[in-house]
């Protein structure tokens, strides 16, 4: 049980805490890129990692007996979107930050991409029993 927590849940929880900390900053550290919508790319990448880690945790821990990944994908997607909503609400209360539907869209797309990579990895490296 402890090894399972360390392997699957600790990375997800630590990453979620990192997102909350970065979302709490007035001006998060980001590379200087002269493109108006670069923040959407950051959101997409941030939530792709979240989607990957969440799928991994949900699939290998909670739903290991399920043959179909469809329900795991749905649960993971709902989890990531819910976390994205809470993140955007949180940013609304941070000075110099704002909540944005477009950011939530980028978060959701990123989560879907991360879940897709997790599914590809699952197929490439085999199903874990």
Protein backbone atom coordinates (compact mmCIF):
# COMPACT_ATOMS: atom_id res chain seq x y z
CA UNK A 1 0.00 0.00 0.00
CA UNK A 2 2.75 2.46 0.91
CA UNK A 3 4.72 1.73 -2.26
CA UNK A 4 1.54 2.19 -4.32
CA UNK A 5 0.93 5.56 -2.69
CA UNK A 6 4.49 6.68 -3.33
CA UNK A 7 4.45 5.45 -6.90
CA UNK A 8 1.03 6.60 -8.08
CA UNK A 9 -0.55 9.13 -5.73
CA UNK A 10 2.38 11.14 -4.37
CA UNK A 11 3.43 12.45 -7.82
CA UNK A 12 -0.17 13.50 -8.55
CA UNK A 13 -0.67 15.20 -5.18
CA UNK A 14 2.72 16.95 -5.36
CA UNK A 15 1.98 18.19 -8.88
CA UNK A 16 -1.44 19.49 -7.85
CA UNK A 17 0.18 21.37 -4.96
CA UNK A 18 2.68 22.84 -7.41
CA UNK A 19 -0.18 24.07 -9.61
CA UNK A 20 -1.86 25.70 -6.59
CA UNK A 21 1.38 27.39 -5.53
CA UNK A 22 2.10 28.73 -9.03
CA UNK A 23 -1.53 29.88 -9.36
CA UNK A 24 -1.10 31.82 -6.12
CA UNK A 25 1.71 33.94 -7.56
CA UNK A 26 0.87 37.36 -8.96
CA UNK A 27 3.40 36.92 -11.75
CA UNK A 28 4.39 33.26 -12.17
CA UNK A 29 7.87 32.71 -13.58
CA UNK A 30 7.57 31.92 -17.29
CA UNK A 31 9.94 32.19 -20.24
CA UNK A 32 9.76 35.47 -22.12
CA UNK A 33 7.93 34.73 -25.36
CA UNK A 34 6.51 37.47 -27.55
CA UNK A 35 3.19 35.85 -28.37
CA UNK A 36 -0.15 37.04 -27.04
CA UNK A 37 -1.60 33.59 -26.33
CA UNK A 38 1.46 31.81 -24.94
CA UNK A 39 -0.29 31.47 -21.58
CA UNK A 40 -2.75 29.05 -23.23
CA UNK A 41 0.18 26.85 -24.23
CA UNK A 42 1.42 26.93 -20.63
CA UNK A 43 -2.04 25.91 -19.40
CA UNK A 44 -2.21 23.11 -21.97
CA UNK A 45 1.20 21.72 -21.01
CA UNK A 46 0.51 22.09 -17.29
CA UNK A 47 -2.73 20.13 -17.51
CA UNK A 48 -1.32 17.54 -19.94
CA UNK A 49 1.01 16.51 -17.13
CA UNK A 50 -1.90 16.57 -14.67
CA UNK A 51 -4.04 14.42 -16.98
CA UNK A 52 -1.23 11.91 -17.43
CA UNK A 53 -0.53 11.63 -13.70
CA UNK A 54 -4.22 11.49 -12.77
CA UNK A 55 -4.99 8.78 -15.34
CA UNK A 56 -2.01 6.80 -14.11
CA UNK A 57 -3.13 7.04 -10.49
CA UNK A 58 -6.79 6.28 -11.18
CA UNK A 59 -6.10 3.47 -13.64
CA UNK A 60 -3.45 1.58 -11.74
CA UNK A 61 -4.82 2.07 -8.23
CA UNK A 62 -8.57 2.49 -8.16
CA UNK A 63 -9.67 0.74 -11.34
CA UNK A 64 -7.06 -1.95 -11.92
CA UNK A 65 -9.68 -4.67 -12.41
CA UNK A 66 -11.53 -2.88 -15.20
CA UNK A 67 -10.76 -4.08 -18.71
CA UNK A 68 -12.13 -0.98 -20.38
CA UNK A 69 -10.35 2.32 -19.98
CA UNK A 70 -13.39 4.38 -21.04
CA UNK A 71 -14.71 4.88 -17.51
CA UNK A 72 -11.22 5.69 -16.23
CA UNK A 73 -10.84 8.29 -18.99
CA UNK A 74 -14.19 9.84 -18.06
CA UNK A 75 -13.41 9.93 -14.32
CA UNK A 76 -9.93 11.36 -14.99
CA UNK A 77 -11.28 14.01 -17.36
CA UNK A 78 -13.98 15.06 -14.89
CA UNK A 79 -11.36 15.22 -12.13
CA UNK A 80 -9.03 17.39 -14.22
CA UNK A 81 -11.81 19.74 -15.37
CA UNK A 82 -13.06 20.09 -11.78
CA UNK A 83 -9.53 20.88 -10.63
CA UNK A 84 -9.21 23.38 -13.50
CA UNK A 85 -12.44 25.09 -12.42
CA UNK A 86 -11.22 25.38 -8.83
CA UNK A 87 -7.87 26.67 -10.09
CA UNK A 88 -9.57 29.38 -12.16
CA UNK A 89 -11.81 30.36 -9.26
CA UNK A 90 -8.73 30.54 -7.02
CA UNK A 91 -6.94 32.79 -9.54
CA UNK A 92 -9.88 35.18 -9.45
CA UNK A 93 -8.88 36.05 -5.88
CA UNK A 94 -5.16 36.47 -6.61
CA UNK A 95 -4.03 40.02 -7.29
CA UNK A 96 -3.06 40.61 -10.94
CA UNK A 97 -4.64 37.28 -11.97
CA UNK A 98 -8.05 36.52 -13.40
CA UNK A 99 -10.32 33.57 -14.06
CA UNK A 100 -10.75 32.72 -17.72
CA UNK A 101 -12.98 30.33 -19.64
CA UNK A 102 -10.30 30.22 -22.35
CA UNK A 103 -7.76 29.08 -19.75
CA UNK A 104 -10.18 26.39 -18.59
CA UNK A 105 -10.54 25.29 -22.21
CA UNK A 106 -6.76 25.03 -22.54
CA UNK A 107 -6.64 23.13 -19.24
CA UNK A 108 -9.26 20.68 -20.47
CA UNK A 109 -7.57 20.16 -23.83
CA UNK A 110 -4.25 19.64 -22.06
CA UNK A 111 -5.80 17.07 -19.72
CA UNK A 112 -7.24 15.20 -22.71
CA UNK A 113 -3.82 15.19 -24.38
CA UNK A 114 -2.16 13.91 -21.20
CA UNK A 115 -4.76 11.16 -20.88
CA UNK A 116 -4.15 10.28 -24.53
CA UNK A 117 -0.42 9.93 -23.87
CA UNK A 118 -1.17 7.74 -20.86
CA UNK A 119 -3.38 5.50 -23.01
CA UNK A 120 -0.70 5.27 -25.69
CA UNK A 121 1.87 4.39 -23.03
CA UNK A 122 -0.46 1.76 -21.62
CA UNK A 123 -0.80 0.15 -25.03
CA UNK A 124 2.93 0.37 -25.80
CA UNK A 125 4.15 -1.05 -22.51
CA UNK A 126 1.32 -3.49 -21.93
CA UNK A 127 -1.50 -3.75 -19.47
CA UNK A 128 -0.49 -3.94 -15.86
CA UNK A 129 -2.35 -6.45 -13.77
